[in-house]
Structure formats: structure tokens, C-alpha cells
Amino acid sequence: FGQVISLDWSPNGEQLLFSVTRQERFELYVMDMKAPEPRKVPQGDSVHSAAYGAWSPDGGEILFRASSATAPGNPGTTRLC
């Protein structure tokens, strides 16, 4: 996956949220301890780069930093989702 830069257990302890980085791109995944493969968060291509996630207190939502795709050399926009 790449270099792990953040980890956060879900409130119920059954899922692990983790961020990785590879070649200046960040990706966010959720690993269910009962499933073999992690799933990417958010799903789809609406966010170019997502990282540094945290669970809501009830475990129903994830807050994360996201940035949109940009041209090389342009930092683009970063927001919390």
C-alpha cells in the first residue's frame, strides 16, 4: 500500500482506518478485522487524495483531509470531508 502515516481504531474496535502515502499521493483505507481486503475511502474518483482520517464518536462517519486533482506544481485545494 505504501508508507503508513496514520492509524485510528473504530470506536467498537472492529475496524482500522489507515492512511498511506506513495509518490506524493495519499490514500485512506478501512480494514475490517473480519474481511480479507481493505476498502478505499472515499469510494469513487471524486477525491484525488485523502488522508488523516478520524472516526466519529458513534463510528458512523469518518472525517478526513481531502484534496482535488491538480496539475503538477499546483497545490490545489485541501478540505475536511
PDB file of N, CA and C in Angstrom:
ATOM      1  N   PHE A   1       0.811  -1.206   0.000  1.00  0.00           N
ATOM      2  CA  PHE A   1       0.000   0.000   0.000  1.00  0.00           C
ATOM      3  C   PHE A   1       0.846   1.259   0.000  1.00  0.00           C
ATOM      4  N   GLY A   2       1.964   1.274   0.663  1.00  0.00           N
ATOM      5  CA  GLY A   2       2.804   2.454   0.790  1.00  0.00           C
ATOM      6  C   GLY A   2       3.181   2.662   2.242  1.00  0.00           C
ATOM      7  N   GLN A   3       3.732   3.824   2.550  1.00  0.00           N
ATOM      8  CA  GLN A   3       4.141   4.140   3.913  1.00  0.00           C
ATOM      9  C   GLN A   3       2.918   4.562   4.733  1.00  0.00           C
ATOM     10  N   VAL A   4       2.678   3.900   5.838  1.00  0.00           N
ATOM     11  CA  VAL A   4       1.547   4.233   6.697  1.00  0.00           C
ATOM     12  C   VAL A   4       1.868   5.516   7.456  1.00  0.00           C
ATOM     13  N   ILE A   5       0.935   6.486   7.417  1.00  0.00           N
ATOM     14  CA  ILE A   5       1.161   7.768   8.077  1.00  0.00           C
ATOM     15  C   ILE A   5       0.170   8.048   9.199  1.00  0.00           C
ATOM     16  N   SER A   6      -0.943   7.294   9.262  1.00  0.00           N
ATOM     17  CA  SER A   6      -1.870   7.462  10.384  1.00  0.00           C
ATOM     18  C   SER A   6      -2.704   6.199  10.557  1.00  0.00           C
ATOM     19  N   LEU A   7      -3.105   5.949  11.813  1.00  0.00           N
ATOM     20  CA  LEU A   7      -3.942   4.797  12.159  1.00  0.00           C
ATOM     21  C   LEU A   7      -4.992   5.255  13.156  1.00  0.00           C
ATOM     22  N   ASP A   8      -6.214   4.735  13.054  1.00  0.00           N
ATOM     23  CA  ASP A   8      -7.259   5.068  14.018  1.00  0.00           C
ATOM     24  C   ASP A   8      -8.239   3.905  14.106  1.00  0.00           C
ATOM     25  N   TRP A   9      -8.384   3.317  15.300  1.00  0.00           N
ATOM     26  CA  TRP A   9      -9.340   2.242  15.505  1.00  0.00           C
ATOM     27  C   TRP A   9     -10.745   2.807  15.586  1.00  0.00           C
ATOM     28  N   SER A  10     -11.721   2.078  15.063  1.00  0.00           N
ATOM     29  CA  SER A  10     -13.124   2.472  15.187  1.00  0.00           C
ATOM     30  C   SER A  10     -13.519   2.382  16.667  1.00  0.00           C
ATOM     31  N   PRO A  11     -14.561   3.120  17.071  1.00  0.00           N
ATOM     32  CA  PRO A  11     -14.983   3.079  18.471  1.00  0.00           C
ATOM     33  C   PRO A  11     -15.311   1.671  18.986  1.00  0.00           C
ATOM     34  N   ASN A  12     -15.824   0.791  18.125  1.00  0.00           N
ATOM     35  CA  ASN A  12     -16.138  -0.569  18.570  1.00  0.00           C
ATOM     36  C   ASN A  12     -14.940  -1.523  18.465  1.00  0.00           C
ATOM     37  N   GLY A  13     -13.819  -1.044  17.932  1.00  0.00           N
ATOM     38  CA  GLY A  13     -12.600  -1.840  17.846  1.00  0.00           C
ATOM     39  C   GLY A  13     -12.603  -2.897  16.761  1.00  0.00           C
ATOM     40  N   GLU A  14     -13.586  -2.867  15.857  1.00  0.00           N
ATOM     41  CA  GLU A  14     -13.670  -3.887  14.819  1.00  0.00           C
ATOM     42  C   GLU A  14     -13.100  -3.460  13.472  1.00  0.00           C
ATOM     43  N   GLN A  15     -12.779  -2.167  13.315  1.00  0.00           N
ATOM     44  CA  GLN A  15     -12.227  -1.674  12.052  1.00  0.00           C
ATOM     45  C   GLN A  15     -11.049  -0.758  12.332  1.00  0.00           C
ATOM     46  N   LEU A  16     -10.122  -0.748  11.395  1.00  0.00           N
ATOM     47  CA  LEU A  16      -8.943   0.112  11.476  1.00  0.00           C
ATOM     48  C   LEU A  16      -8.934   1.036  10.271  1.00  0.00           C
ATOM     49  N   LEU A  17      -8.846   2.323  10.529  1.00  0.00           N
ATOM     50  CA  LEU A  17      -8.750   3.345   9.484  1.00  0.00           C
ATOM     51  C   LEU A  17      -7.281   3.702   9.354  1.00  0.00           C
ATOM     52  N   PHE A  18      -6.732   3.631   8.136  1.00  0.00           N
ATOM     53  CA  PHE A  18      -5.315   3.972   7.992  1.00  0.00           C
ATOM     54  C   PHE A  18      -5.059   4.762   6.712  1.00  0.00           C
ATOM     55  N   SER A  19      -4.068   5.657   6.797  1.00  0.00           N
ATOM     56  CA  SER A  19      -3.635   6.482   5.662  1.00  0.00           C
ATOM     57  C   SER A  19      -2.272   5.998   5.208  1.00  0.00           C
ATOM     58  N   VAL A  20      -2.078   5.993   3.898  1.00  0.00           N
ATOM     59  CA  VAL A  20      -0.772   5.657   3.330  1.00  0.00           C
ATOM     60  C   VAL A  20      -0.366   6.735   2.334  1.00  0.00           C
ATOM     61  N   THR A  21       0.915   6.823   2.074  1.00  0.00           N
ATOM     62  CA  THR A  21       1.409   7.759   1.071  1.00  0.00           C
ATOM     63  C   THR A  21       2.346   7.025   0.124  1.00  0.00           C
ATOM     64  N   ARG A  22       2.209   7.382  -1.151  1.00  0.00           N
ATOM     65  CA  ARG A  22       3.080   6.865  -2.214  1.00  0.00           C
ATOM     66  C   ARG A  22       3.272   7.970  -3.228  1.00  0.00           C
ATOM     67  N   GLN A  23       4.492   8.339  -3.479  1.00  0.00           N
ATOM     68  CA  GLN A  23       4.823   9.314  -4.519  1.00  0.00           C
ATOM     69  C   GLN A  23       3.930  10.554  -4.461  1.00  0.00           C
ATOM     70  N   GLU A  24       3.880  11.212  -3.314  1.00  0.00           N
ATOM     71  CA  GLU A  24       3.149  12.453  -3.101  1.00  0.00           C
ATOM     72  C   GLU A  24       1.628  12.303  -3.223  1.00  0.00           C
ATOM     73  N   ARG A  25       1.116  11.110  -3.180  1.00  0.00           N
ATOM     74  CA  ARG A  25      -0.334  10.870  -3.206  1.00  0.00           C
ATOM     75  C   ARG A  25      -0.713  10.152  -1.911  1.00  0.00           C
ATOM     76  N   PHE A  26      -1.805  10.598  -1.302  1.00  0.00           N
ATOM     77  CA  PHE A  26      -2.289   9.995  -0.072  1.00  0.00           C
ATOM     78  C   PHE A  26      -3.538   9.178  -0.371  1.00  0.00           C
ATOM     79  N   GLU A  27      -3.702   8.060   0.346  1.00  0.00           N
ATOM     80  CA  GLU A  27      -4.890   7.231   0.210  1.00  0.00           C
ATOM     81  C   GLU A  27      -5.337   6.805   1.594  1.00  0.00           C
ATOM     82  N   LEU A  28      -6.644   6.656   1.757  1.00  0.00           N
ATOM     83  CA  LEU A  28      -7.249   6.302   3.031  1.00  0.00           C
ATOM     84  C   LEU A  28      -8.012   4.992   2.863  1.00  0.00           C
ATOM     85  N   TYR A  29      -7.857   4.078   3.819  1.00  0.00           N
ATOM     86  CA  TYR A  29      -8.497   2.766   3.749  1.00  0.00           C
ATOM     87  C   TYR A  29      -9.121   2.400   5.092  1.00  0.00           C
ATOM     88  N   VAL A  30     -10.142   1.543   5.021  1.00  0.00           N
ATOM     89  CA  VAL A  30     -10.734   0.935   6.208  1.00  0.00           C
ATOM     90  C   VAL A  30     -10.505  -0.561   6.108  1.00  0.00           C
ATOM     91  N   MET A  31      -9.962  -1.128   7.169  1.00  0.00           N
ATOM     92  CA  MET A  31      -9.740  -2.572   7.242  1.00  0.00           C
ATOM     93  C   MET A  31     -10.685  -3.133   8.284  1.00  0.00           C
ATOM     94  N   ASP A  32     -11.603  -3.998   7.833  1.00  0.00           N
ATOM     95  CA  ASP A  32     -12.498  -4.695   8.746  1.00  0.00           C
ATOM     96  C   ASP A  32     -11.738  -5.934   9.208  1.00  0.00           C
ATOM     97  N   MET A  33     -11.669  -6.157  10.492  1.00  0.00           N
ATOM     98  CA  MET A  33     -10.885  -7.272  11.017  1.00  0.00           C
ATOM     99  C   MET A  33     -11.458  -8.633  10.594  1.00  0.00           C
ATOM    100  N   LYS A  34     -12.689  -8.660  10.069  1.00  0.00           N
ATOM    101  CA  LYS A  34     -13.303  -9.909   9.630  1.00  0.00           C
ATOM    102  C   LYS A  34     -13.262 -10.089   8.116  1.00  0.00           C
ATOM    103  N   ALA A  35     -12.737  -9.103   7.382  1.00  0.00           N
ATOM    104  CA  ALA A  35     -12.693  -9.159   5.917  1.00  0.00           C
ATOM    105  C   ALA A  35     -11.234  -9.203   5.451  1.00  0.00           C
ATOM    106  N   PRO A  36     -10.969  -9.868   4.340  1.00  0.00           N
ATOM    107  CA  PRO A  36      -9.577 -10.024   3.889  1.00  0.00           C
ATOM    108  C   PRO A  36      -8.955  -8.785   3.241  1.00  0.00           C
ATOM    109  N   GLU A  37      -9.764  -7.926   2.633  1.00  0.00           N
ATOM    110  CA  GLU A  37      -9.208  -6.802   1.885  1.00  0.00           C
ATOM    111  C   GLU A  37      -9.696  -5.459   2.437  1.00  0.00           C
ATOM    112  N   PRO A  38      -8.785  -4.490   2.571  1.00  0.00           N
ATOM    113  CA  PRO A  38      -9.226  -3.150   2.973  1.00  0.00           C
ATOM    114  C   PRO A  38     -10.006  -2.481   1.846  1.00  0.00           C
ATOM    115  N   ARG A  39     -10.872  -1.528   2.199  1.00  0.00           N
ATOM    116  CA  ARG A  39     -11.605  -0.777   1.177  1.00  0.00           C
ATOM    117  C   ARG A  39     -11.184   0.680   1.233  1.00  0.00           C
ATOM    118  N   LYS A  40     -11.084   1.272   0.056  1.00  0.00           N
ATOM    119  CA  LYS A  40     -10.637   2.655  -0.073  1.00  0.00           C
ATOM    120  C   LYS A  40     -11.754   3.611   0.353  1.00  0.00           C
ATOM    121  N   VAL A  41     -11.382   4.687   1.029  1.00  0.00           N
ATOM    122  CA  VAL A  41     -12.309   5.731   1.470  1.00  0.00           C
ATOM    123  C   VAL A  41     -11.814   7.049   0.914  1.00  0.00           C
ATOM    124  N   PRO A  42     -12.631   7.874   0.331  1.00  0.00           N
ATOM    125  CA  PRO A  42     -13.974   7.577  -0.121  1.00  0.00           C
ATOM    126  C   PRO A  42     -13.913   6.728  -1.378  1.00  0.00           C
ATOM    127  N   GLN A  43     -14.990   6.060  -1.690  1.00  0.00           N
ATOM    128  CA  GLN A  43     -15.045   5.244  -2.898  1.00  0.00           C
ATOM    129  C   GLN A  43     -15.337   6.144  -4.093  1.00  0.00           C
ATOM    130  N   GLY A  44     -14.838   5.783  -5.261  1.00  0.00           N
ATOM    131  CA  GLY A  44     -15.021   6.596  -6.459  1.00  0.00           C
ATOM    132  C   GLY A  44     -13.838   7.519  -6.685  1.00  0.00           C
ATOM    133  N   ASP A  45     -13.945   8.383  -7.680  1.00  0.00           N
ATOM    134  CA  ASP A  45     -12.839   9.247  -8.060  1.00  0.00           C
ATOM    135  C   ASP A  45     -13.079  10.718  -7.754  1.00  0.00           C
ATOM    136  N   SER A  46     -14.033  11.031  -6.865  1.00  0.00           N
ATOM    137  CA  SER A  46     -14.337  12.427  -6.587  1.00  0.00           C
ATOM    138  C   SER A  46     -13.228  13.123  -5.794  1.00  0.00           C
ATOM    139  N   VAL A  47     -12.411  12.359  -5.097  1.00  0.00           N
ATOM    140  CA  VAL A  47     -11.309  12.912  -4.303  1.00  0.00           C
ATOM    141  C   VAL A  47     -10.007  12.326  -4.824  1.00  0.00           C
ATOM    142  N   HIS A  48      -9.053  13.200  -5.139  1.00  0.00           N
ATOM    143  CA  HIS A  48      -7.763  12.764  -5.652  1.00  0.00           C
ATOM    144  C   HIS A  48      -6.898  12.156  -4.550  1.00  0.00           C
ATOM    145  N   SER A  49      -6.926  12.764  -3.381  1.00  0.00           N
ATOM    146  CA  SER A  49      -6.039  12.368  -2.304  1.00  0.00           C
ATOM    147  C   SER A  49      -6.767  12.532  -0.976  1.00  0.00           C
ATOM    148  N   ALA A  50      -6.814  11.480  -0.144  1.00  0.00           N
ATOM    149  CA  ALA A  50      -7.475  11.535   1.154  1.00  0.00           C
ATOM    150  C   ALA A  50      -6.548  10.950   2.209  1.00  0.00           C
ATOM    151  N   ALA A  51      -6.493  11.581   3.386  1.00  0.00           N
ATOM    152  CA  ALA A  51      -5.607  11.104   4.441  1.00  0.00           C
ATOM    153  C   ALA A  51      -6.035  11.643   5.797  1.00  0.00           C
ATOM    154  N   TYR A  52      -5.367  11.140   6.833  1.00  0.00           N
ATOM    155  CA  TYR A  52      -5.526  11.615   8.214  1.00  0.00           C
ATOM    156  C   TYR A  52      -6.975  11.553   8.672  1.00  0.00           C
ATOM    157  N   GLY A  53      -7.578  10.373   8.593  1.00  0.00           N
ATOM    158  CA  GLY A  53      -8.966  10.193   8.982  1.00  0.00           C
ATOM    159  C   GLY A  53      -9.139   9.978  10.468  1.00  0.00           C
ATOM    160  N   ALA A  54     -10.350  10.262  10.930  1.00  0.00           N
ATOM    161  CA  ALA A  54     -10.744  10.017  12.319  1.00  0.00           C
ATOM    162  C   ALA A  54     -12.207   9.612  12.341  1.00  0.00           C
ATOM    163  N   TRP A  55     -12.556   8.670  13.203  1.00  0.00           N
ATOM    164  CA  TRP A  55     -13.924   8.195  13.338  1.00  0.00           C
ATOM    165  C   TRP A  55     -14.760   9.175  14.140  1.00  0.00           C
ATOM    166  N   SER A  56     -16.053   9.259  13.824  1.00  0.00           N
ATOM    167  CA  SER A  56     -16.989   9.990  14.683  1.00  0.00           C
ATOM    168  C   SER A  56     -17.168   9.160  15.959  1.00  0.00           C
ATOM    169  N   PRO A  57     -17.630   9.768  17.058  1.00  0.00           N
ATOM    170  CA  PRO A  57     -17.778   9.021  18.314  1.00  0.00           C
ATOM    171  C   PRO A  57     -18.654   7.769  18.206  1.00  0.00           C
ATOM    172  N   ASP A  58     -19.661   7.789  17.332  1.00  0.00           N
ATOM    173  CA  ASP A  58     -20.522   6.611  17.191  1.00  0.00           C
ATOM    174  C   ASP A  58     -20.017   5.637  16.118  1.00  0.00           C
ATOM    175  N   GLY A  59     -18.926   5.978  15.412  1.00  0.00           N
ATOM    176  CA  GLY A  59     -18.352   5.112  14.384  1.00  0.00           C
ATOM    177  C   GLY A  59     -19.103   5.125  13.067  1.00  0.00           C
ATOM    178  N   GLY A  60     -20.099   6.000  12.930  1.00  0.00           N
ATOM    179  CA  GLY A  60     -20.911   6.031  11.716  1.00  0.00           C
ATOM    180  C   GLY A  60     -20.342   6.869  10.596  1.00  0.00           C
ATOM    181  N   GLU A  61     -19.392   7.761  10.914  1.00  0.00           N
ATOM    182  CA  GLU A  61     -18.812   8.641   9.899  1.00  0.00           C
ATOM    183  C   GLU A  61     -17.305   8.750  10.098  1.00  0.00           C
ATOM    184  N   ILE A  62     -16.644   9.181   9.022  1.00  0.00           N
ATOM    185  CA  ILE A  62     -15.195   9.388   9.056  1.00  0.00           C
ATOM    186  C   ILE A  62     -14.910  10.806   8.591  1.00  0.00           C
ATOM    187  N   LEU A  63     -14.156  11.550   9.360  1.00  0.00           N
ATOM    188  CA  LEU A  63     -13.689  12.880   8.976  1.00  0.00           C
ATOM    189  C   LEU A  63     -12.277  12.710   8.432  1.00  0.00           C
ATOM    190  N   PHE A  64     -11.985  13.323   7.273  1.00  0.00           N
ATOM    191  CA  PHE A  64     -10.647  13.180   6.697  1.00  0.00           C
ATOM    192  C   PHE A  64     -10.274  14.416   5.898  1.00  0.00           C
ATOM    193  N   ARG A  65      -8.976  14.566   5.671  1.00  0.00           N
ATOM    194  CA  ARG A  65      -8.466  15.638   4.831  1.00  0.00           C
ATOM    195  C   ARG A  65      -8.474  15.155   3.395  1.00  0.00           C
ATOM    196  N   ALA A  66      -8.968  15.992   2.486  1.00  0.00           N
ATOM    197  CA  ALA A  66      -9.047  15.608   1.075  1.00  0.00           C
ATOM    198  C   ALA A  66      -8.527  16.732   0.207  1.00  0.00           C
ATOM    199  N   SER A  67      -7.979  16.365  -0.943  1.00  0.00           N
ATOM    200  CA  SER A  67      -7.567  17.371  -1.921  1.00  0.00           C
ATOM    201  C   SER A  67      -8.007  16.915  -3.305  1.00  0.00           C
ATOM    202  N   SER A  68      -8.250  17.881  -4.167  1.00  0.00           N
ATOM    203  CA  SER A  68      -8.693  17.577  -5.523  1.00  0.00           C
ATOM    204  C   SER A  68      -7.484  17.405  -6.437  1.00  0.00           C
ATOM    205  N   ALA A  69      -7.703  16.766  -7.571  1.00  0.00           N
ATOM    206  CA  ALA A  69      -6.631  16.570  -8.550  1.00  0.00           C
ATOM    207  C   ALA A  69      -6.238  17.914  -9.148  1.00  0.00           C
ATOM    208  N   THR A  70      -4.937  18.106  -9.344  1.00  0.00           N
ATOM    209  CA  THR A  70      -4.428  19.352  -9.904  1.00  0.00           C
ATOM    210  C   THR A  70      -3.310  19.053 -10.887  1.00  0.00           C
ATOM    211  N   ALA A  71      -2.909  20.088 -11.584  1.00  0.00           N
ATOM    212  CA  ALA A  71      -1.758  19.968 -12.489  1.00  0.00           C
ATOM    213  C   ALA A  71      -0.479  19.902 -11.668  1.00  0.00           C
ATOM    214  N   PRO A  72       0.560  19.273 -12.181  1.00  0.00           N
ATOM    215  CA  PRO A  72       1.837  19.219 -11.475  1.00  0.00           C
ATOM    216  C   PRO A  72       2.309  20.625 -11.088  1.00  0.00           C
ATOM    217  N   GLY A  73       2.780  20.759  -9.850  1.00  0.00           N
ATOM    218  CA  GLY A  73       3.278  22.047  -9.377  1.00  0.00           C
ATOM    219  C   GLY A  73       2.207  22.937  -8.782  1.00  0.00           C
ATOM    220  N   ASN A  74       0.931  22.590  -8.945  1.00  0.00           N
ATOM    221  CA  ASN A  74      -0.172  23.367  -8.393  1.00  0.00           C
ATOM    222  C   ASN A  74      -0.675  22.649  -7.148  1.00  0.00           C
ATOM    223  N   PRO A  75      -0.662  23.302  -5.978  1.00  0.00           N
ATOM    224  CA  PRO A  75      -1.060  22.607  -4.755  1.00  0.00           C
ATOM    225  C   PRO A  75      -2.532  22.234  -4.674  1.00  0.00           C
ATOM    226  N   GLY A  76      -3.398  22.879  -5.486  1.00  0.00           N
ATOM    227  CA  GLY A  76      -4.817  22.544  -5.485  1.00  0.00           C
ATOM    228  C   GLY A  76      -5.495  23.000  -4.218  1.00  0.00           C
ATOM    229  N   THR A  77      -6.643  22.419  -3.921  1.00  0.00           N
ATOM    230  CA  THR A  77      -7.383  22.775  -2.722  1.00  0.00           C
ATOM    231  C   THR A  77      -7.419  21.601  -1.764  1.00  0.00           C
ATOM    232  N   THR A  78      -7.391  21.896  -0.477  1.00  0.00           N
ATOM    233  CA  THR A  78      -7.469  20.891   0.563  1.00  0.00           C
ATOM    234  C   THR A  78      -8.641  21.235   1.461  1.00  0.00           C
ATOM    235  N   ARG A  79      -9.414  20.247   1.851  1.00  0.00           N
ATOM    236  CA  ARG A  79     -10.564  20.486   2.713  1.00  0.00           C
ATOM    237  C   ARG A  79     -10.790  19.299   3.634  1.00  0.00           C
ATOM    238  N   LEU A  80     -11.607  19.515   4.667  1.00  0.00           N
ATOM    239  CA  LEU A  80     -12.026  18.422   5.525  1.00  0.00           C
ATOM    240  C   LEU A  80     -13.345  17.902   5.018  1.00  0.00           C
ATOM    241  N   CYS A  81     -13.511  16.594   4.963  1.00  0.00           N
ATOM    242  CA  CYS A  81     -14.754  15.971   4.488  1.00  0.00           C
ATOM    243  C   CYS A  81     -15.328  15.094   5.573  1.00  0.00           C
TER     244      CYS A  81
END
